[in-house]
Structure formats: C-alpha cells, structure tokens
C-alpha cells in the first residue's frame, strides 16, 4: 500500500470537494461547447451506452475498438444508431494505433 501525506490527502480531498460544487450549467453556457462521454464503462454494450449518454444530454459518444469488431461490415448501421440518438462521434479510440512512422502502413492495413 502506498503512503499518502496528510497534506496531499487534504489537497486531493479539497479538489474533489470543489469539483462537486461546479454546476454543469456553466458548461451549457459556453458557446459551441459540446460534451461527449466514452462508452467504455458500459462493457461493450455500445447501443445501451449511446441511449444512456444521449438521455443525459451529452452530444457525442466515444467508441472503442470493440465496436469495430461488431460493426466493421455494418458501418451504416452504426452510423444510423449514432444519428438516431442525436449524437456525434468525436473520437474512435483503439488501443493499438501506432504513432511510429515506420508502422503507418500496418496501422492503416489493420483497419
């Protein structure tokens, strides 16, 4: 177990407490700011995630590589689900994308 100093604990607790006092209304008043949420916490149930995320007022959903396995041949079906839920796809996350220029072609070939 890692030891934490009293000072560090109080600092973290103060930041956490302060964060809970921030109203989401502040973000709603910023022009052109749309918030998205990641579907990772739904454990691969991306359609449920999209419905829940949209119902909470988020404007976008981040999907991950597991979605690719399900929809790689049904891209229009996934697109329709995103549109049906009034969401956009600001980011698709994959744990295996390389930034090494020497591996660029193998990364493209993977998709």
PDB file of N, CA and C in Angstrom:
ATOM      1  N   UNK A   1       0.843  -1.178   0.000  1.00  0.00           N
ATOM      2  CA  UNK A   1       0.000   0.000   0.000  1.00  0.00           C
ATOM      3  C   UNK A   1       0.886   1.239   0.000  1.00  0.00           C
ATOM      4  N   UNK A   2       0.523   2.209  -0.783  1.00  0.00           N
ATOM      5  CA  UNK A   2       1.281   3.445  -0.888  1.00  0.00           C
ATOM      6  C   UNK A   2       0.853   4.408   0.212  1.00  0.00           C
ATOM      7  N   UNK A   3       1.842   5.026   0.842  1.00  0.00           N
ATOM      8  CA  UNK A   3       1.558   6.021   1.872  1.00  0.00           C
ATOM      9  C   UNK A   3       1.252   7.360   1.216  1.00  0.00           C
ATOM     10  N   UNK A   4       0.324   8.090   1.775  1.00  0.00           N
ATOM     11  CA  UNK A   4      -0.005   9.415   1.270  1.00  0.00           C
ATOM     12  C   UNK A   4       0.135  10.393   2.441  1.00  0.00           C
ATOM     13  N   UNK A   5       0.733  11.523   2.174  1.00  0.00           N
ATOM     14  CA  UNK A   5       0.917  12.501   3.244  1.00  0.00           C
ATOM     15  C   UNK A   5      -0.414  13.170   3.566  1.00  0.00           C
ATOM     16  N   UNK A   6      -0.522  13.688   4.765  1.00  0.00           N
ATOM     17  CA  UNK A   6      -1.732  14.404   5.174  1.00  0.00           C
ATOM     18  C   UNK A   6      -1.961  15.608   4.261  1.00  0.00           C
ATOM     19  N   UNK A   7      -0.893  16.308   3.904  1.00  0.00           N
ATOM     20  CA  UNK A   7      -1.000  17.481   3.037  1.00  0.00           C
ATOM     21  C   UNK A   7      -1.565  17.089   1.662  1.00  0.00           C
ATOM     22  N   UNK A   8      -1.030  16.008   1.089  1.00  0.00           N
ATOM     23  CA  UNK A   8      -1.507  15.545  -0.207  1.00  0.00           C
ATOM     24  C   UNK A   8      -2.962  15.078  -0.125  1.00  0.00           C
ATOM     25  N   UNK A   9      -3.303  14.373   0.944  1.00  0.00           N
ATOM     26  CA  UNK A   9      -4.684  13.921   1.135  1.00  0.00           C
ATOM     27  C   UNK A   9      -5.643  15.102   1.212  1.00  0.00           C
ATOM     28  N   UNK A  10      -5.291  16.108   2.004  1.00  0.00           N
ATOM     29  CA  UNK A  10      -6.160  17.279   2.147  1.00  0.00           C
ATOM     30  C   UNK A  10      -6.293  18.042   0.825  1.00  0.00           C
ATOM     31  N   UNK A  11      -5.197  18.110   0.090  1.00  0.00           N
ATOM     32  CA  UNK A  11      -5.232  18.781  -1.208  1.00  0.00           C
ATOM     33  C   UNK A  11      -6.178  18.039  -2.159  1.00  0.00           C
ATOM     34  N   UNK A  12      -6.035  16.736  -2.246  1.00  0.00           N
ATOM     35  CA  UNK A  12      -6.889  15.931  -3.129  1.00  0.00           C
ATOM     36  C   UNK A  12      -8.352  15.976  -2.683  1.00  0.00           C
ATOM     37  N   UNK A  13      -8.587  15.893  -1.387  1.00  0.00           N
ATOM     38  CA  UNK A  13      -9.957  15.956  -0.879  1.00  0.00           C
ATOM     39  C   UNK A  13     -10.578  17.319  -1.161  1.00  0.00           C
ATOM     40  N   UNK A  14      -9.787  18.365  -1.047  1.00  0.00           N
ATOM     41  CA  UNK A  14     -10.283  19.709  -1.342  1.00  0.00           C
ATOM     42  C   UNK A  14     -10.628  19.877  -2.803  1.00  0.00           C
ATOM     43  N   UNK A  15      -9.787  19.352  -3.674  1.00  0.00           N
ATOM     44  CA  UNK A  15     -10.056  19.426  -5.113  1.00  0.00           C
ATOM     45  C   UNK A  15     -11.310  18.633  -5.478  1.00  0.00           C
ATOM     46  N   UNK A  16     -11.450  17.467  -4.881  1.00  0.00           N
ATOM     47  CA  UNK A  16     -12.629  16.648  -5.158  1.00  0.00           C
ATOM     48  C   UNK A  16     -13.900  17.337  -4.677  1.00  0.00           C
ATOM     49  N   UNK A  17     -13.841  17.910  -3.496  1.00  0.00           N
ATOM     50  CA  UNK A  17     -14.995  18.630  -2.955  1.00  0.00           C
ATOM     51  C   UNK A  17     -15.334  19.830  -3.824  1.00  0.00           C
ATOM     52  N   UNK A  18     -14.334  20.564  -4.240  1.00  0.00           N
ATOM     53  CA  UNK A  18     -14.563  21.729  -5.103  1.00  0.00           C
ATOM     54  C   UNK A  18     -15.180  21.317  -6.431  1.00  0.00           C
ATOM     55  N   UNK A  19     -14.730  20.202  -6.978  1.00  0.00           N
ATOM     56  CA  UNK A  19     -15.250  19.736  -8.265  1.00  0.00           C
ATOM     57  C   UNK A  19     -16.733  19.403  -8.173  1.00  0.00           C
ATOM     58  N   UNK A  20     -17.170  18.908  -7.031  1.00  0.00           N
ATOM     59  CA  UNK A  20     -18.593  18.568  -6.892  1.00  0.00           C
ATOM     60  C   UNK A  20     -19.464  19.811  -6.802  1.00  0.00           C
ATOM     61  N   UNK A  21     -18.877  20.949  -6.513  1.00  0.00           N
ATOM     62  CA  UNK A  21     -19.642  22.191  -6.406  1.00  0.00           C
ATOM     63  C   UNK A  21     -19.814  22.904  -7.740  1.00  0.00           C
ATOM     64  N   UNK A  22     -19.094  22.443  -8.765  1.00  0.00           N
ATOM     65  CA  UNK A  22     -19.192  23.069 -10.078  1.00  0.00           C
ATOM     66  C   UNK A  22     -20.499  22.640 -10.732  1.00  0.00           C
ATOM     67  N   UNK A  23     -21.246  23.582 -11.176  1.00  0.00           N
ATOM     68  CA  UNK A  23     -22.518  23.306 -11.834  1.00  0.00           C
ATOM     69  C   UNK A  23     -22.282  23.016 -13.310  1.00  0.00           C
ATOM     70  N   UNK A  24     -22.957  21.996 -13.833  1.00  0.00           N
ATOM     71  CA  UNK A  24     -22.855  21.681 -15.248  1.00  0.00           C
ATOM     72  C   UNK A  24     -23.449  22.795 -16.093  1.00  0.00           C
ATOM     73  N   UNK A  25     -24.275  23.651 -15.493  1.00  0.00           N
ATOM     74  CA  UNK A  25     -24.862  24.774 -16.218  1.00  0.00           C
ATOM     75  C   UNK A  25     -23.783  25.715 -16.766  1.00  0.00           C
ATOM     76  N   UNK A  26     -22.654  25.775 -16.084  1.00  0.00           N
ATOM     77  CA  UNK A  26     -21.547  26.619 -16.542  1.00  0.00           C
ATOM     78  C   UNK A  26     -21.126  26.192 -17.941  1.00  0.00           C
ATOM     79  N   UNK A  27     -21.021  24.884 -18.155  1.00  0.00           N
ATOM     80  CA  UNK A  27     -20.594  24.375 -19.452  1.00  0.00           C
ATOM     81  C   UNK A  27     -21.665  24.590 -20.510  1.00  0.00           C
ATOM     82  N   UNK A  28     -22.918  24.536 -20.115  1.00  0.00           N
ATOM     83  CA  UNK A  28     -24.017  24.726 -21.064  1.00  0.00           C
ATOM     84  C   UNK A  28     -24.039  26.146 -21.622  1.00  0.00           C
ATOM     85  N   UNK A  29     -23.475  27.093 -20.896  1.00  0.00           N
ATOM     86  CA  UNK A  29     -23.498  28.493 -21.329  1.00  0.00           C
ATOM     87  C   UNK A  29     -22.315  28.877 -22.202  1.00  0.00           C
ATOM     88  N   UNK A  30     -21.371  27.964 -22.364  1.00  0.00           N
ATOM     89  CA  UNK A  30     -20.214  28.243 -23.215  1.00  0.00           C
ATOM     90  C   UNK A  30     -20.623  27.967 -24.655  1.00  0.00           C
ATOM     91  N   UNK A  31     -20.561  28.975 -25.523  1.00  0.00           N
ATOM     92  CA  UNK A  31     -20.993  28.756 -26.902  1.00  0.00           C
ATOM     93  C   UNK A  31     -20.143  27.712 -27.614  1.00  0.00           C
ATOM     94  N   UNK A  32     -20.799  26.883 -28.364  1.00  0.00           N
ATOM     95  CA  UNK A  32     -20.144  25.860 -29.190  1.00  0.00           C
ATOM     96  C   UNK A  32     -19.359  24.819 -28.399  1.00  0.00           C
ATOM     97  N   UNK A  33     -19.690  24.628 -27.129  1.00  0.00           N
ATOM     98  CA  UNK A  33     -19.035  23.590 -26.348  1.00  0.00           C
ATOM     99  C   UNK A  33     -19.993  22.417 -26.223  1.00  0.00           C
ATOM    100  N   UNK A  34     -19.645  21.327 -26.841  1.00  0.00           N
ATOM    101  CA  UNK A  34     -20.449  20.118 -26.770  1.00  0.00           C
ATOM    102  C   UNK A  34     -19.652  19.052 -26.039  1.00  0.00           C
ATOM    103  N   UNK A  35     -20.248  18.446 -25.036  1.00  0.00           N
ATOM    104  CA  UNK A  35     -19.559  17.428 -24.266  1.00  0.00           C
ATOM    105  C   UNK A  35     -19.932  16.037 -24.754  1.00  0.00           C
ATOM    106  N   UNK A  36     -18.959  15.154 -24.749  1.00  0.00           N
ATOM    107  CA  UNK A  36     -19.168  13.765 -25.132  1.00  0.00           C
ATOM    108  C   UNK A  36     -18.765  12.876 -23.958  1.00  0.00           C
ATOM    109  N   UNK A  37     -19.148  11.625 -24.035  1.00  0.00           N
ATOM    110  CA  UNK A  37     -18.819  10.676 -22.979  1.00  0.00           C
ATOM    111  C   UNK A  37     -18.382   9.366 -23.616  1.00  0.00           C
ATOM    112  N   UNK A  38     -17.505   8.655 -22.976  1.00  0.00           N
ATOM    113  CA  UNK A  38     -16.985   7.407 -23.506  1.00  0.00           C
ATOM    114  C   UNK A  38     -17.882   6.227 -23.129  1.00  0.00           C
ATOM    115  N   UNK A  39     -18.072   5.319 -24.073  1.00  0.00           N
ATOM    116  CA  UNK A  39     -18.923   4.145 -23.862  1.00  0.00           C
ATOM    117  C   UNK A  39     -18.200   3.013 -23.144  1.00  0.00           C
ATOM    118  N   UNK A  40     -16.955   3.203 -22.773  1.00  0.00           N
ATOM    119  CA  UNK A  40     -16.162   2.123 -22.185  1.00  0.00           C
ATOM    120  C   UNK A  40     -16.781   1.562 -20.902  1.00  0.00           C
ATOM    121  N   UNK A  41     -17.442   2.395 -20.137  1.00  0.00           N
ATOM    122  CA  UNK A  41     -17.982   1.932 -18.855  1.00  0.00           C
ATOM    123  C   UNK A  41     -19.214   1.048 -19.004  1.00  0.00           C
ATOM    124  N   UNK A  42     -19.721   0.878 -20.219  1.00  0.00           N
ATOM    125  CA  UNK A  42     -20.871   0.004 -20.461  1.00  0.00           C
ATOM    126  C   UNK A  42     -20.425  -1.403 -20.843  1.00  0.00           C
ATOM    127  N   UNK A  43     -19.152  -1.679 -20.808  1.00  0.00           N
ATOM    128  CA  UNK A  43     -18.642  -3.029 -21.026  1.00  0.00           C
ATOM    129  C   UNK A  43     -19.003  -3.650 -22.361  1.00  0.00           C
ATOM    130  N   UNK A  44     -18.934  -2.873 -23.445  1.00  0.00           N
ATOM    131  CA  UNK A  44     -19.209  -3.413 -24.765  1.00  0.00           C
ATOM    132  C   UNK A  44     -20.658  -3.299 -25.205  1.00  0.00           C
ATOM    133  N   UNK A  45     -21.520  -2.799 -24.350  1.00  0.00           N
ATOM    134  CA  UNK A  45     -22.934  -2.614 -24.707  1.00  0.00           C
ATOM    135  C   UNK A  45     -23.107  -1.204 -25.272  1.00  0.00           C
ATOM    136  N   UNK A  46     -22.570  -1.007 -26.472  1.00  0.00           N
ATOM    137  CA  UNK A  46     -22.491   0.333 -27.053  1.00  0.00           C
ATOM    138  C   UNK A  46     -23.854   0.937 -27.372  1.00  0.00           C
ATOM    139  N   UNK A  47     -24.817   0.134 -27.790  1.00  0.00           N
ATOM    140  CA  UNK A  47     -26.142   0.682 -28.081  1.00  0.00           C
ATOM    141  C   UNK A  47     -26.800   1.213 -26.807  1.00  0.00           C
ATOM    142  N   UNK A  48     -26.659   0.467 -25.704  1.00  0.00           N
ATOM    143  CA  UNK A  48     -27.172   0.951 -24.406  1.00  0.00           C
ATOM    144  C   UNK A  48     -26.439   2.215 -23.990  1.00  0.00           C
ATOM    145  N   UNK A  49     -25.135   2.218 -24.208  1.00  0.00           N
ATOM    146  CA  UNK A  49     -24.330   3.384 -23.845  1.00  0.00           C
ATOM    147  C   UNK A  49     -24.797   4.620 -24.596  1.00  0.00           C
ATOM    148  N   UNK A  50     -25.023   4.474 -25.896  1.00  0.00           N
ATOM    149  CA  UNK A  50     -25.457   5.626 -26.691  1.00  0.00           C
ATOM    150  C   UNK A  50     -26.789   6.167 -26.188  1.00  0.00           C
ATOM    151  N   UNK A  51     -27.729   5.282 -25.879  1.00  0.00           N
ATOM    152  CA  UNK A  51     -29.041   5.718 -25.378  1.00  0.00           C
ATOM    153  C   UNK A  51     -28.886   6.456 -24.048  1.00  0.00           C
ATOM    154  N   UNK A  52     -28.110   5.881 -23.146  1.00  0.00           N
ATOM    155  CA  UNK A  52     -27.925   6.499 -21.827  1.00  0.00           C
ATOM    156  C   UNK A  52     -27.192   7.831 -21.935  1.00  0.00           C
ATOM    157  N   UNK A  53     -26.137   7.850 -22.723  1.00  0.00           N
ATOM    158  CA  UNK A  53     -25.334   9.070 -22.883  1.00  0.00           C
ATOM    159  C   UNK A  53     -26.181  10.190 -23.464  1.00  0.00           C
ATOM    160  N   UNK A  54     -26.980   9.862 -24.477  1.00  0.00           N
ATOM    161  CA  UNK A  54     -27.858  10.867 -25.089  1.00  0.00           C
ATOM    162  C   UNK A  54     -28.915  11.346 -24.102  1.00  0.00           C
ATOM    163  N   UNK A  55     -29.450  10.426 -23.291  1.00  0.00           N
ATOM    164  CA  UNK A  55     -30.501  10.808 -22.339  1.00  0.00           C
ATOM    165  C   UNK A  55     -29.977  11.749 -21.261  1.00  0.00           C
ATOM    166  N   UNK A  56     -28.682  11.730 -21.036  1.00  0.00           N
ATOM    167  CA  UNK A  56     -28.079  12.615 -20.038  1.00  0.00           C
ATOM    168  C   UNK A  56     -27.719  13.984 -20.623  1.00  0.00           C
ATOM    169  N   UNK A  57     -27.934  14.148 -21.911  1.00  0.00           N
ATOM    170  CA  UNK A  57     -27.693  15.446 -22.533  1.00  0.00           C
ATOM    171  C   UNK A  57     -26.349  15.608 -23.203  1.00  0.00           C
ATOM    172  N   UNK A  58     -25.546  14.568 -23.210  1.00  0.00           N
ATOM    173  CA  UNK A  58     -24.267  14.658 -23.900  1.00  0.00           C
ATOM    174  C   UNK A  58     -24.520  14.700 -25.405  1.00  0.00           C
ATOM    175  N   UNK A  59     -23.619  15.309 -26.129  1.00  0.00           N
ATOM    176  CA  UNK A  59     -23.787  15.500 -27.574  1.00  0.00           C
ATOM    177  C   UNK A  59     -22.989  14.514 -28.404  1.00  0.00           C
ATOM    178  N   UNK A  60     -22.090  13.779 -27.777  1.00  0.00           N
ATOM    179  CA  UNK A  60     -21.263  12.845 -28.519  1.00  0.00           C
ATOM    180  C   UNK A  60     -20.926  11.620 -27.700  1.00  0.00           C
ATOM    181  N   UNK A  61     -20.417  10.600 -28.385  1.00  0.00           N
ATOM    182  CA  UNK A  61     -20.016   9.361 -27.732  1.00  0.00           C
ATOM    183  C   UNK A  61     -18.666   8.930 -28.290  1.00  0.00           C
ATOM    184  N   UNK A  62     -17.790   8.503 -27.408  1.00  0.00           N
ATOM    185  CA  UNK A  62     -16.508   7.950 -27.828  1.00  0.00           C
ATOM    186  C   UNK A  62     -16.656   6.434 -27.828  1.00  0.00           C
ATOM    187  N   UNK A  63     -16.426   5.829 -28.973  1.00  0.00           N
ATOM    188  CA  UNK A  63     -16.478   4.376 -29.073  1.00  0.00           C
ATOM    189  C   UNK A  63     -15.065   3.831 -29.121  1.00  0.00           C
ATOM    190  N   UNK A  64     -14.944   2.539 -28.814  1.00  0.00           N
ATOM    191  CA  UNK A  64     -13.621   1.925 -28.753  1.00  0.00           C
ATOM    192  C   UNK A  64     -13.495   0.781 -29.751  1.00  0.00           C
ATOM    193  N   UNK A  65     -12.352   0.147 -29.753  1.00  0.00           N
ATOM    194  CA  UNK A  65     -12.022  -0.881 -30.728  1.00  0.00           C
ATOM    195  C   UNK A  65     -13.013  -2.047 -30.727  1.00  0.00           C
ATOM    196  N   UNK A  66     -13.617  -2.370 -29.590  1.00  0.00           N
ATOM    197  CA  UNK A  66     -14.565  -3.477 -29.570  1.00  0.00           C
ATOM    198  C   UNK A  66     -15.760  -3.204 -30.490  1.00  0.00           C
ATOM    199  N   UNK A  67     -16.098  -1.944 -30.695  1.00  0.00           N
ATOM    200  CA  UNK A  67     -17.190  -1.578 -31.591  1.00  0.00           C
ATOM    201  C   UNK A  67     -16.813  -1.912 -33.027  1.00  0.00           C
ATOM    202  N   UNK A  68     -15.558  -1.755 -33.359  1.00  0.00           N
ATOM    203  CA  UNK A  68     -15.086  -2.051 -34.713  1.00  0.00           C
ATOM    204  C   UNK A  68     -15.331  -3.522 -35.044  1.00  0.00           C
ATOM    205  N   UNK A  69     -15.052  -4.410 -34.096  1.00  0.00           N
ATOM    206  CA  UNK A  69     -15.251  -5.838 -34.350  1.00  0.00           C
ATOM    207  C   UNK A  69     -16.715  -6.142 -34.687  1.00  0.00           C
ATOM    208  N   UNK A  70     -17.634  -5.483 -34.021  1.00  0.00           N
ATOM    209  CA  UNK A  70     -19.058  -5.723 -34.235  1.00  0.00           C
ATOM    210  C   UNK A  70     -19.563  -5.081 -35.523  1.00  0.00           C
ATOM    211  N   UNK A  71     -19.097  -3.880 -35.823  1.00  0.00           N
ATOM    212  CA  UNK A  71     -19.664  -3.101 -36.922  1.00  0.00           C
ATOM    213  C   UNK A  71     -18.755  -2.909 -38.138  1.00  0.00           C
ATOM    214  N   UNK A  72     -17.648  -3.625 -38.226  1.00  0.00           N
ATOM    215  CA  UNK A  72     -16.722  -3.377 -39.338  1.00  0.00           C
ATOM    216  C   UNK A  72     -17.353  -3.619 -40.708  1.00  0.00           C
ATOM    217  N   UNK A  73     -18.352  -4.464 -40.786  1.00  0.00           N
ATOM    218  CA  UNK A  73     -19.044  -4.681 -42.057  1.00  0.00           C
ATOM    219  C   UNK A  73     -20.432  -4.050 -42.068  1.00  0.00           C
ATOM    220  N   UNK A  74     -20.779  -3.364 -40.972  1.00  0.00           N
ATOM    221  CA  UNK A  74     -22.100  -2.734 -40.863  1.00  0.00           C
ATOM    222  C   UNK A  74     -21.954  -1.269 -40.446  1.00  0.00           C
ATOM    223  N   UNK A  75     -21.113  -0.546 -41.149  1.00  0.00           N
ATOM    224  CA  UNK A  75     -20.800   0.835 -40.798  1.00  0.00           C
ATOM    225  C   UNK A  75     -22.052   1.709 -40.818  1.00  0.00           C
ATOM    226  N   UNK A  76     -22.888   1.536 -41.821  1.00  0.00           N
ATOM    227  CA  UNK A  76     -24.106   2.360 -41.906  1.00  0.00           C
ATOM    228  C   UNK A  76     -25.062   2.098 -40.751  1.00  0.00           C
ATOM    229  N   UNK A  77     -25.101   0.863 -40.275  1.00  0.00           N
ATOM    230  CA  UNK A  77     -25.951   0.544 -39.114  1.00  0.00           C
ATOM    231  C   UNK A  77     -25.464   1.289 -37.873  1.00  0.00           C
ATOM    232  N   UNK A  78     -24.157   1.315 -37.667  1.00  0.00           N
ATOM    233  CA  UNK A  78     -23.600   2.054 -36.536  1.00  0.00           C
ATOM    234  C   UNK A  78     -23.856   3.546 -36.694  1.00  0.00           C
ATOM    235  N   UNK A  79     -23.643   4.058 -37.895  1.00  0.00           N
ATOM    236  CA  UNK A  79     -23.885   5.477 -38.154  1.00  0.00           C
ATOM    237  C   UNK A  79     -25.342   5.827 -37.872  1.00  0.00           C
ATOM    238  N   UNK A  80     -26.268   4.975 -38.296  1.00  0.00           N
ATOM    239  CA  UNK A  80     -27.692   5.208 -38.039  1.00  0.00           C
ATOM    240  C   UNK A  80     -27.993   5.243 -36.541  1.00  0.00           C
ATOM    241  N   UNK A  81     -27.348   4.374 -35.779  1.00  0.00           N
ATOM    242  CA  UNK A  81     -27.563   4.361 -34.326  1.00  0.00           C
ATOM    243  C   UNK A  81     -27.056   5.652 -33.680  1.00  0.00           C
ATOM    244  N   UNK A  82     -25.931   6.116 -34.147  1.00  0.00           N
ATOM    245  CA  UNK A  82     -25.375   7.365 -33.614  1.00  0.00           C
ATOM    246  C   UNK A  82     -26.326   8.523 -33.929  1.00  0.00           C
ATOM    247  N   UNK A  83     -26.804   8.590 -35.163  1.00  0.00           N
ATOM    248  CA  UNK A  83     -27.716   9.655 -35.572  1.00  0.00           C
ATOM    249  C   UNK A  83     -29.054   9.544 -34.849  1.00  0.00           C
ATOM    250  N   UNK A  84     -29.585   8.334 -34.711  1.00  0.00           N
ATOM    251  CA  UNK A  84     -30.862   8.120 -34.026  1.00  0.00           C
ATOM    252  C   UNK A  84     -30.817   8.656 -32.599  1.00  0.00           C
ATOM    253  N   UNK A  85     -29.665   8.559 -31.975  1.00  0.00           N
ATOM    254  CA  UNK A  85     -29.511   9.039 -30.599  1.00  0.00           C
ATOM    255  C   UNK A  85     -29.077  10.501 -30.532  1.00  0.00           C
ATOM    256  N   UNK A  86     -29.101  11.191 -31.681  1.00  0.00           N
ATOM    257  CA  UNK A  86     -28.709  12.607 -31.745  1.00  0.00           C
ATOM    258  C   UNK A  86     -27.310  12.839 -31.198  1.00  0.00           C
ATOM    259  N   UNK A  87     -26.410  11.947 -31.538  1.00  0.00           N
ATOM    260  CA  UNK A  87     -25.031  12.046 -31.095  1.00  0.00           C
ATOM    261  C   UNK A  87     -24.113  12.215 -32.298  1.00  0.00           C
ATOM    262  N   UNK A  88     -22.877  12.587 -32.006  1.00  0.00           N
ATOM    263  CA  UNK A  88     -21.813  12.589 -32.994  1.00  0.00           C
ATOM    264  C   UNK A  88     -20.694  11.705 -32.453  1.00  0.00           C
ATOM    265  N   UNK A  89     -19.784  11.352 -33.323  1.00  0.00           N
ATOM    266  CA  UNK A  89     -18.650  10.513 -32.934  1.00  0.00           C
ATOM    267  C   UNK A  89     -17.386  11.361 -32.990  1.00  0.00           C
ATOM    268  N   UNK A  90     -17.059  12.060 -31.894  1.00  0.00           N
ATOM    269  CA  UNK A  90     -15.894  12.937 -31.923  1.00  0.00           C
ATOM    270  C   UNK A  90     -14.574  12.183 -31.885  1.00  0.00           C
ATOM    271  N   UNK A  91     -14.613  10.915 -31.432  1.00  0.00           N
ATOM    272  CA  UNK A  91     -13.368  10.166 -31.314  1.00  0.00           C
ATOM    273  C   UNK A  91     -13.638   8.677 -31.320  1.00  0.00           C
ATOM    274  N   UNK A  92     -12.828   7.959 -32.042  1.00  0.00           N
ATOM    275  CA  UNK A  92     -12.841   6.500 -32.006  1.00  0.00           C
ATOM    276  C   UNK A  92     -11.500   6.086 -31.436  1.00  0.00           C
ATOM    277  N   UNK A  93     -11.527   5.341 -30.361  1.00  0.00           N
ATOM    278  CA  UNK A  93     -10.303   5.002 -29.663  1.00  0.00           C
ATOM    279  C   UNK A  93      -9.941   3.539 -29.879  1.00  0.00           C
ATOM    280  N   UNK A  94      -8.689   3.303 -30.157  1.00  0.00           N
ATOM    281  CA  UNK A  94      -8.215   1.943 -30.344  1.00  0.00           C
ATOM    282  C   UNK A  94      -6.938   1.793 -29.538  1.00  0.00           C
ATOM    283  N   UNK A  95      -6.747   0.835 -28.811  1.00  0.00           N
ATOM    284  CA  UNK A  95      -5.521   0.711 -28.032  1.00  0.00           C
ATOM    285  C   UNK A  95      -4.308   0.353 -28.857  1.00  0.00           C
ATOM    286  N   UNK A  96      -4.471   0.088 -30.149  1.00  0.00           N
ATOM    287  CA  UNK A  96      -3.366  -0.438 -30.924  1.00  0.00           C
ATOM    288  C   UNK A  96      -2.879   0.462 -32.046  1.00  0.00           C
ATOM    289  N   UNK A  97      -3.214   1.694 -32.071  1.00  0.00           N
ATOM    290  CA  UNK A  97      -2.721   2.584 -33.120  1.00  0.00           C
ATOM    291  C   UNK A  97      -1.303   3.013 -32.768  1.00  0.00           C
ATOM    292  N   UNK A  98      -0.419   2.864 -33.727  1.00  0.00           N
ATOM    293  CA  UNK A  98       0.979   3.222 -33.538  1.00  0.00           C
ATOM    294  C   UNK A  98       1.238   4.626 -34.082  1.00  0.00           C
ATOM    295  N   UNK A  99       2.115   5.362 -33.441  1.00  0.00           N
ATOM    296  CA  UNK A  99       2.492   6.672 -33.956  1.00  0.00           C
ATOM    297  C   UNK A  99       3.855   6.627 -34.647  1.00  0.00           C
ATOM    298  N   UNK A 100       4.465   5.462 -34.660  1.00  0.00           N
ATOM    299  CA  UNK A 100       5.755   5.280 -35.319  1.00  0.00           C
ATOM    300  C   UNK A 100       5.555   5.349 -36.835  1.00  0.00           C
ATOM    301  N   UNK A 101       6.168   6.325 -37.519  1.00  0.00           N
ATOM    302  CA  UNK A 101       6.000   6.452 -38.973  1.00  0.00           C
ATOM    303  C   UNK A 101       6.342   5.159 -39.723  1.00  0.00           C
ATOM    304  N   UNK A 102       7.247   4.377 -39.203  1.00  0.00           N
ATOM    305  CA  UNK A 102       7.630   3.136 -39.864  1.00  0.00           C
ATOM    306  C   UNK A 102       6.496   2.107 -39.836  1.00  0.00           C
ATOM    307  N   UNK A 103       5.546   2.267 -38.914  1.00  0.00           N
ATOM    308  CA  UNK A 103       4.435   1.319 -38.789  1.00  0.00           C
ATOM    309  C   UNK A 103       3.129   1.882 -39.333  1.00  0.00           C
ATOM    310  N   UNK A 104       3.202   3.016 -40.015  1.00  0.00           N
ATOM    311  CA  UNK A 104       1.985   3.690 -40.511  1.00  0.00           C
ATOM    312  C   UNK A 104       1.150   2.757 -41.403  1.00  0.00           C
ATOM    313  N   UNK A 105       1.789   2.107 -42.356  1.00  0.00           N
ATOM    314  CA  UNK A 105       1.032   1.273 -43.286  1.00  0.00           C
ATOM    315  C   UNK A 105       0.386   0.086 -42.578  1.00  0.00           C
ATOM    316  N   UNK A 106       1.079  -0.530 -41.616  1.00  0.00           N
ATOM    317  CA  UNK A 106       0.481  -1.668 -40.905  1.00  0.00           C
ATOM    318  C   UNK A 106      -0.707  -1.208 -40.060  1.00  0.00           C
ATOM    319  N   UNK A 107      -0.660  -0.001 -39.535  1.00  0.00           N
ATOM    320  CA  UNK A 107      -1.793   0.548 -38.783  1.00  0.00           C
ATOM    321  C   UNK A 107      -2.982   0.772 -39.713  1.00  0.00           C
ATOM    322  N   UNK A 108      -2.729   1.307 -40.886  1.00  0.00           N
ATOM    323  CA  UNK A 108      -3.807   1.535 -41.859  1.00  0.00           C
ATOM    324  C   UNK A 108      -4.381   0.199 -42.319  1.00  0.00           C
ATOM    325  N   UNK A 109      -3.519  -0.773 -42.575  1.00  0.00           N
ATOM    326  CA  UNK A 109      -3.966  -2.088 -43.030  1.00  0.00           C
ATOM    327  C   UNK A 109      -4.823  -2.785 -41.975  1.00  0.00           C
ATOM    328  N   UNK A 110      -4.542  -2.533 -40.709  1.00  0.00           N
ATOM    329  CA  UNK A 110      -5.300  -3.163 -39.609  1.00  0.00           C
ATOM    330  C   UNK A 110      -6.768  -2.774 -39.694  1.00  0.00           C
ATOM    331  N   UNK A 111      -7.039  -1.512 -40.028  1.00  0.00           N
ATOM    332  CA  UNK A 111      -8.413  -1.063 -40.085  1.00  0.00           C
ATOM    333  C   UNK A 111      -9.024  -1.474 -41.374  1.00  0.00           C
TER     334      UNK A 111
END
